[in-house]
Amino acid sequence: MATLNVVKFVQEHISPERIVYKVKTVLGLAEAIQEALGLGHLPCLIGDARPGLVRLVPPDGVRDRPPASYPSGPASFSARPGFLDFVAAEVVKQRKFIEGAT
């Protein structure tokens, strides 16, 4: 995860002695935060779904890519239309949650 913008942000703004725990996965980070080991940056999709976690700041410009953009509808998918139509419809329903706009 060392190449992620949020990791670089922490390295540039937090003194090394205040970094008490390092993980290699986002889910590992979520579990560490949930166990009260400290603060951390999580995708809203993961943090918002975990009981007991609270956003300290709204989503901002510390991202690795622009917010996801979704096709206007299931017709944009072509392979296995039944399954992909279902998945696309479910993703569209959850768009605000996925983008952290809940």
C-alpha atoms as a PDB file:
ATOM      1  CA  MET A   1       0.000   0.000   0.000  1.00  0.00           C
ATOM      2  CA  ALA A   2       3.067   2.258   0.104  1.00  0.00           C
ATOM      3  CA  THR A   3       2.284   3.761  -3.302  1.00  0.00           C
ATOM      4  CA  LEU A   4      -1.202   4.973  -2.350  1.00  0.00           C
ATOM      5  CA  ASN A   5      -1.715   8.725  -2.044  1.00  0.00           C
ATOM      6  CA  VAL A   6      -3.207   8.374   1.424  1.00  0.00           C
ATOM      7  CA  VAL A   7      -0.087   6.531   2.610  1.00  0.00           C
ATOM      8  CA  LYS A   8       2.135   9.235   1.130  1.00  0.00           C
ATOM      9  CA  PHE A   9      -0.050  11.838   2.853  1.00  0.00           C
ATOM     10  CA  VAL A  10       0.511  10.150   6.228  1.00  0.00           C
ATOM     11  CA  GLN A  11       4.258   9.869   5.606  1.00  0.00           C
ATOM     12  CA  GLU A  12       4.438  13.588   4.774  1.00  0.00           C
ATOM     13  CA  HIS A  13       2.227  14.864   7.607  1.00  0.00           C
ATOM     14  CA  ILE A  14       2.569  12.456  10.549  1.00  0.00           C
ATOM     15  CA  SER A  15       5.803  12.047  12.497  1.00  0.00           C
ATOM     16  CA  PRO A  16       7.146   8.472  12.386  1.00  0.00           C
ATOM     17  CA  GLU A  17       6.928   7.991  16.166  1.00  0.00           C
ATOM     18  CA  ARG A  18       3.157   8.540  15.975  1.00  0.00           C
ATOM     19  CA  ILE A  19       2.716   5.695  13.462  1.00  0.00           C
ATOM     20  CA  VAL A  20       2.167   2.716  15.726  1.00  0.00           C
ATOM     21  CA  TYR A  21       0.921   0.011  13.395  1.00  0.00           C
ATOM     22  CA  LYS A  22       1.347  -0.836   9.721  1.00  0.00           C
ATOM     23  CA  VAL A  23      -0.732  -3.226   7.642  1.00  0.00           C
ATOM     24  CA  LYS A  24      -0.628  -4.507   4.086  1.00  0.00           C
ATOM     25  CA  THR A  25      -4.353  -4.576   3.320  1.00  0.00           C
ATOM     26  CA  VAL A  26      -7.267  -2.175   3.557  1.00  0.00           C
ATOM     27  CA  LEU A  27      -9.314  -4.745   5.468  1.00  0.00           C
ATOM     28  CA  GLY A  28      -6.440  -5.199   7.914  1.00  0.00           C
ATOM     29  CA  LEU A  29      -6.409  -1.447   8.432  1.00  0.00           C
ATOM     30  CA  ALA A  30     -10.171  -1.424   8.969  1.00  0.00           C
ATOM     31  CA  GLU A  31      -9.859  -4.148  11.593  1.00  0.00           C
ATOM     32  CA  ALA A  32      -7.033  -2.312  13.362  1.00  0.00           C
ATOM     33  CA  ILE A  33      -9.068   0.897  13.490  1.00  0.00           C
ATOM     34  CA  GLN A  34     -12.119  -1.007  14.679  1.00  0.00           C
ATOM     35  CA  GLU A  35     -10.019  -2.482  17.497  1.00  0.00           C
ATOM     36  CA  ALA A  36      -9.088   1.089  18.543  1.00  0.00           C
ATOM     37  CA  LEU A  37      -5.419   0.890  17.568  1.00  0.00           C
ATOM     38  CA  GLY A  38      -5.635   4.364  16.075  1.00  0.00           C
ATOM     39  CA  LEU A  39      -6.893   6.436  13.180  1.00  0.00           C
ATOM     40  CA  GLY A  40      -6.563   5.720   9.497  1.00  0.00           C
ATOM     41  CA  HIS A  41      -7.798   6.490   6.019  1.00  0.00           C
ATOM     42  CA  LEU A  42     -10.357   4.016   4.685  1.00  0.00           C
ATOM     43  CA  PRO A  43     -12.486   3.920   1.564  1.00  0.00           C
ATOM     44  CA  CYS A  44     -15.975   5.078   2.559  1.00  0.00           C
ATOM     45  CA  LEU A  45     -17.337   1.805   1.199  1.00  0.00           C
ATOM     46  CA  ILE A  46     -15.445  -0.090   3.900  1.00  0.00           C
ATOM     47  CA  GLY A  47     -15.481   2.391   6.776  1.00  0.00           C
ATOM     48  CA  ASP A  48     -19.164   3.255   6.536  1.00  0.00           C
ATOM     49  CA  ALA A  49     -20.107  -0.429   6.669  1.00  0.00           C
ATOM     50  CA  ARG A  50     -18.253  -1.087   9.948  1.00  0.00           C
ATOM     51  CA  PRO A  51     -20.171  -0.538  13.177  1.00  0.00           C
ATOM     52  CA  GLY A  52     -18.478   1.786  15.600  1.00  0.00           C
ATOM     53  CA  LEU A  53     -16.324   3.619  13.064  1.00  0.00           C
ATOM     54  CA  VAL A  54     -16.977   7.317  12.629  1.00  0.00           C
ATOM     55  CA  ARG A  55     -15.823   9.615   9.860  1.00  0.00           C
ATOM     56  CA  LEU A  56     -13.662  12.382  11.245  1.00  0.00           C
ATOM     57  CA  VAL A  57     -13.567  14.317   7.994  1.00  0.00           C
ATOM     58  CA  PRO A  58     -15.611  14.113   4.806  1.00  0.00           C
ATOM     59  CA  PRO A  59     -14.082  12.452   1.727  1.00  0.00           C
ATOM     60  CA  ASP A  60     -11.650  14.910   0.157  1.00  0.00           C
ATOM     61  CA  GLY A  61      -8.973  15.185  -2.487  1.00  0.00           C
ATOM     62  CA  VAL A  62      -6.655  12.562  -0.953  1.00  0.00           C
ATOM     63  CA  ARG A  63      -7.494   9.927  -3.543  1.00  0.00           C
ATOM     64  CA  ASP A  64      -5.683   7.611  -5.842  1.00  0.00           C
ATOM     65  CA  ARG A  65      -8.069   8.158  -8.715  1.00  0.00           C
ATOM     66  CA  PRO A  66     -11.209  10.150  -9.434  1.00  0.00           C
ATOM     67  CA  PRO A  67     -14.507   8.899  -8.001  1.00  0.00           C
ATOM     68  CA  ALA A  68     -15.825   5.890  -9.837  1.00  0.00           C
ATOM     69  CA  SER A  69     -18.061   6.623 -12.761  1.00  0.00           C
ATOM     70  CA  TYR A  70     -20.750   4.189 -13.666  1.00  0.00           C
ATOM     71  CA  PRO A  71     -22.413   3.422 -16.966  1.00  0.00           C
ATOM     72  CA  SER A  72     -25.861   4.906 -17.382  1.00  0.00           C
ATOM     73  CA  GLY A  73     -27.445   1.487 -17.329  1.00  0.00           C
ATOM     74  CA  PRO A  74     -27.005  -2.252 -17.687  1.00  0.00           C
ATOM     75  CA  ALA A  75     -26.992  -1.996 -21.488  1.00  0.00           C
ATOM     76  CA  SER A  76     -23.351  -0.921 -21.237  1.00  0.00           C
ATOM     77  CA  PHE A  77     -22.411  -4.483 -20.304  1.00  0.00           C
ATOM     78  CA  SER A  78     -22.339  -7.158 -22.939  1.00  0.00           C
ATOM     79  CA  ALA A  79     -20.946 -10.453 -21.598  1.00  0.00           C
ATOM     80  CA  ARG A  80     -23.315 -12.661 -19.594  1.00  0.00           C
ATOM     81  CA  PRO A  81     -26.101 -10.085 -19.779  1.00  0.00           C
ATOM     82  CA  GLY A  82     -28.346 -11.617 -17.110  1.00  0.00           C
ATOM     83  CA  PHE A  83     -25.731 -11.586 -14.367  1.00  0.00           C
ATOM     84  CA  LEU A  84     -24.093  -8.315 -15.386  1.00  0.00           C
ATOM     85  CA  ASP A  85     -27.477  -6.587 -15.699  1.00  0.00           C
ATOM     86  CA  PHE A  86     -28.210  -7.613 -12.134  1.00  0.00           C
ATOM     87  CA  VAL A  87     -24.786  -6.509 -10.837  1.00  0.00           C
ATOM     88  CA  ALA A  88     -24.944  -3.184 -12.675  1.00  0.00           C
ATOM     89  CA  ALA A  89     -28.396  -2.440 -11.293  1.00  0.00           C
ATOM     90  CA  GLU A  90     -27.229  -3.232  -7.752  1.00  0.00           C
ATOM     91  CA  VAL A  91     -24.117  -1.061  -8.115  1.00  0.00           C
ATOM     92  CA  VAL A  92     -26.222   1.840  -9.375  1.00  0.00           C
ATOM     93  CA  LYS A  93     -28.527   1.446  -6.341  1.00  0.00           C
ATOM     94  CA  GLN A  94     -25.500   1.628  -4.028  1.00  0.00           C
ATOM     95  CA  ARG A  95     -23.668   4.411  -5.888  1.00  0.00           C
ATOM     96  CA  LYS A  96     -23.952   7.025  -3.129  1.00  0.00           C
ATOM     97  CA  PHE A  97     -22.760   4.522  -0.514  1.00  0.00           C
ATOM     98  CA  ILE A  98     -19.840   3.371  -2.698  1.00  0.00           C
ATOM     99  CA  GLU A  99     -18.772   6.979  -3.309  1.00  0.00           C
ATOM    100  CA  GLY A 100     -19.075   7.842   0.365  1.00  0.00           C
ATOM    101  CA  ALA A 101     -22.015  10.204  -0.048  1.00  0.00           C
ATOM    102  CA  THR A 102     -24.277   8.429   2.438  1.00  0.00           C
END
